[in-house]
Structure formats: structure tokens, C-alpha cells
């Protein structure tokens, strides 16, 4: 079924890095917020990186913006079955340059292999910024514990200092 990305990007003019997923999960689309599936570990990783407890969506937005992080997805619309990245086809990418041109973003990170694949296929030539791969925070990526994800995501802290 064709789905259109329902979420606005999270960013402001001070954002230095952009984290891109592939496309919101069915749960995120229904709840109108990024990584809304309680089994996805994205927000738990962010909590550990910034030593904060995130209770509300406002808390989540604030921690990203306070720390100069933007969040969006590669895909604007696509055919997708439920939340299955492997079912994604007929892709129209998001206009990532609309964020880059209105912020201080110098680095792009991708959450998972599918996001990397799609970014490289549809957006790299447009943005001219190579993406830095981060392992997926999805519960489907069961080989990565929360601590292992935090270990890999710590690279974000180094890029925020640049």
C-alpha cells in the first residue's frame, strides 16, 4: 500500500548532524512520532548518550534540538507492507537539502542498512555528503544489544564537537 511520510523533520538552524531512518514504521505512522514502537531502541540510545530520561515527545524533540541533532527519513513516499523495510518499493525520496540549506548540518548518519542503501541510491548525489552508517535500532536487529548500540552511536558525540 502506498504511504506518504506523515512526520515533519525535527531540526532547527543550529542542527549540526542529521540522523536518517528509512521510513516510519506502521506504529510511528499511527502514533505520529518517530520511533514510536516501544521495542525500537532509538530513544533509549539517545537517553544513554545524553544521560537523560525522555518521557514525552516534547522531551525527545528538545533533547535533539538542544544537542544540535536533526531527525528525518530518506523516503517521502513509497509502497510498503506494514513496517517491512524489505517490502519498500516505488520510492520518492525526501528533499533532504531543504533541511541542509536551512541549518548547519555538515554530517549525515543513517540508522540501519536500508537507510544507507536508499540514501546512497537517491540522495548522495544531491546532498554531496557521505552518510555515516549506524546499526539499526529496530528490535529486528536483535544481534545488537542496547549497550552495543550505544557503543556505536557514541560517534555522534564526536561529530557534534567538530
Protein backbone atom coordinates (compact mmCIF):
# COMPACT_ATOMS: atom_id res chain seq x y z
CA UNK A 1 0.00 0.00 0.00
CA UNK A 2 1.29 3.48 -0.89
CA UNK A 3 2.21 5.53 2.16
CA UNK A 4 3.19 9.18 2.42
CA UNK A 5 5.58 10.22 5.18
CA UNK A 6 3.35 11.77 7.86
CA UNK A 7 6.03 13.39 10.03
CA UNK A 8 7.75 16.73 9.78
CA UNK A 9 11.53 16.70 10.15
CA UNK A 10 12.90 17.64 13.55
CA UNK A 11 15.60 20.29 13.16
CA UNK A 12 16.44 23.95 13.57
CA UNK A 13 19.05 26.34 12.19
CA UNK A 14 21.58 25.14 14.80
CA UNK A 15 21.37 21.44 13.84
CA UNK A 16 24.85 20.08 13.05
CA UNK A 17 24.12 16.45 12.28
CA UNK A 18 21.19 14.71 10.64
CA UNK A 19 20.11 11.18 11.51
CA UNK A 20 18.05 9.50 8.81
CA UNK A 21 15.94 6.38 9.03
CA UNK A 22 14.37 4.75 6.00
CA UNK A 23 10.61 5.32 6.54
CA UNK A 24 8.41 5.46 9.68
CA UNK A 25 7.15 2.14 10.95
CA UNK A 26 3.44 1.40 10.98
CA UNK A 27 3.45 2.17 14.72
CA UNK A 28 5.21 5.51 14.15
CA UNK A 29 2.75 6.42 11.40
CA UNK A 30 -0.20 5.60 13.67
CA UNK A 31 1.27 7.49 16.64
CA UNK A 32 2.57 10.39 14.55
CA UNK A 33 6.06 10.32 16.02
CA UNK A 34 9.49 8.91 15.20
CA UNK A 35 10.47 5.52 16.58
CA UNK A 36 7.14 5.10 18.37
CA UNK A 37 7.40 1.31 18.51
CA UNK A 38 8.24 0.56 22.15
CA UNK A 39 10.62 -2.18 21.02
CA UNK A 40 12.71 0.19 18.91
CA UNK A 41 15.73 1.29 20.93
CA UNK A 42 16.43 4.65 19.28
CA UNK A 43 15.16 6.77 22.17
CA UNK A 44 16.84 4.54 24.78
CA UNK A 45 20.14 5.03 22.94
CA UNK A 46 19.61 8.81 22.95
CA UNK A 47 18.76 8.70 26.67
CA UNK A 48 22.03 6.93 27.41
CA UNK A 49 24.14 9.17 25.16
CA UNK A 50 22.83 12.33 26.81
CA UNK A 51 22.17 10.90 30.28
CA UNK A 52 18.53 11.97 30.24
CA UNK A 53 15.13 10.44 30.80
CA UNK A 54 12.77 11.05 27.91
CA UNK A 55 9.13 10.81 28.88
CA UNK A 56 7.20 12.86 26.34
CA UNK A 57 7.57 13.54 22.65
CA UNK A 58 8.41 17.12 23.62
CA UNK A 59 11.30 15.79 25.73
CA UNK A 60 12.54 13.87 22.70
CA UNK A 61 12.34 16.87 20.40
CA UNK A 62 14.04 19.09 22.97
CA UNK A 63 16.97 16.73 23.56
CA UNK A 64 17.62 16.50 19.83
CA UNK A 65 17.43 20.24 19.22
CA UNK A 66 19.39 21.14 22.36
CA UNK A 67 22.17 18.86 21.17
CA UNK A 68 22.08 20.11 17.56
CA UNK A 69 20.66 16.89 16.11
CA UNK A 70 18.15 16.75 13.26
CA UNK A 71 15.97 13.71 12.59
CA UNK A 72 14.12 12.64 9.45
CA UNK A 73 13.87 9.79 6.97
CA UNK A 74 15.18 9.12 3.47
CA UNK A 75 11.77 8.34 1.98
CA UNK A 76 8.91 10.77 1.35
CA UNK A 77 6.54 8.16 -0.08
CA UNK A 78 6.66 4.52 -1.08
CA UNK A 79 4.84 1.25 -1.37
CA UNK A 80 5.34 -0.62 1.91
CA UNK A 81 3.72 -3.58 3.64
CA UNK A 82 3.20 -2.72 7.32
CA UNK A 83 6.71 -1.86 8.62
CA UNK A 84 8.78 -4.15 6.45
CA UNK A 85 11.85 -2.40 5.00
CA UNK A 86 12.30 -5.33 2.64
CA UNK A 87 8.88 -4.62 1.08
CA UNK A 88 9.70 -0.99 0.23
CA UNK A 89 9.41 -0.10 -3.46
CA UNK A 90 8.39 2.75 -5.78
CA UNK A 91 10.34 5.29 -3.71
CA UNK A 92 10.15 9.05 -3.81
CA UNK A 93 12.88 10.48 -1.54
CA UNK A 94 12.54 13.40 0.86
CA UNK A 95 14.07 16.75 -0.04
CA UNK A 96 16.97 16.49 2.40
CA UNK A 97 18.55 19.68 1.04
CA UNK A 98 15.57 21.61 2.40
CA UNK A 99 16.99 20.87 5.87
CA UNK A 100 20.66 21.16 4.95
CA UNK A 101 20.12 24.59 3.38
CA UNK A 102 18.32 25.87 6.49
CA UNK A 103 20.65 24.56 9.17
CA UNK A 104 24.31 24.00 9.99
CA UNK A 105 24.27 20.29 9.06
CA UNK A 106 27.65 19.03 7.95
CA UNK A 107 27.28 15.30 8.72
CA UNK A 108 24.63 12.72 7.95
CA UNK A 109 24.17 9.47 9.86
CA UNK A 110 21.86 6.66 8.82
CA UNK A 111 20.01 4.31 11.14
CA UNK A 112 20.38 0.90 9.54
CA UNK A 113 21.46 -0.75 6.30
CA UNK A 114 18.26 0.00 4.40
CA UNK A 115 18.57 3.72 5.18
CA UNK A 116 22.19 3.64 3.99
CA UNK A 117 21.28 1.80 0.79
CA UNK A 118 18.44 4.21 -0.01
CA UNK A 119 20.43 7.29 0.93
CA UNK A 120 23.28 6.28 -1.36
CA UNK A 121 20.90 5.46 -4.20
CA UNK A 122 18.61 8.51 -4.03
CA UNK A 123 20.27 11.30 -2.06
CA UNK A 124 24.07 11.16 -2.03
CA UNK A 125 24.38 12.79 -5.46
CA UNK A 126 22.01 15.55 -4.34
CA UNK A 127 23.48 16.33 -0.92
CA UNK A 128 27.15 15.61 -1.73
CA UNK A 129 27.54 14.43 1.90
CA UNK A 130 28.57 10.83 2.52
CA UNK A 131 26.44 9.08 5.11
CA UNK A 132 27.95 7.51 8.20
CA UNK A 133 26.41 4.12 8.94
CA UNK A 134 24.96 3.29 12.35
CA UNK A 135 23.38 -0.08 13.15
CA UNK A 136 19.60 -0.21 13.14
CA UNK A 137 17.91 0.40 16.48
CA UNK A 138 14.99 -1.78 15.39
CA UNK A 139 14.16 -4.79 17.53
CA UNK A 140 14.57 -6.80 14.30
CA UNK A 141 18.31 -6.13 14.71
CA UNK A 142 18.44 -8.50 17.68
CA UNK A 143 22.17 -9.19 17.34
CA UNK A 144 22.84 -5.72 18.80
CA UNK A 145 22.17 -5.24 22.49
CA UNK A 146 21.30 -1.79 23.80
CA UNK A 147 24.84 -1.40 25.15
CA UNK A 148 26.33 -2.38 21.79
CA UNK A 149 24.10 0.17 20.01
CA UNK A 150 25.15 2.88 22.47
CA UNK A 151 28.79 1.98 21.80
CA UNK A 152 28.35 2.57 18.06
CA UNK A 153 26.14 5.64 18.44
CA UNK A 154 28.72 7.39 20.64
CA UNK A 155 30.41 8.51 17.42
CA UNK A 156 27.66 11.13 17.19
CA UNK A 157 29.10 12.86 20.25
CA UNK A 158 32.47 13.22 18.49
CA UNK A 159 30.89 14.75 15.39
CA UNK A 160 28.90 17.21 17.49
CA UNK A 161 32.22 18.58 18.82
CA UNK A 162 33.52 19.32 15.31
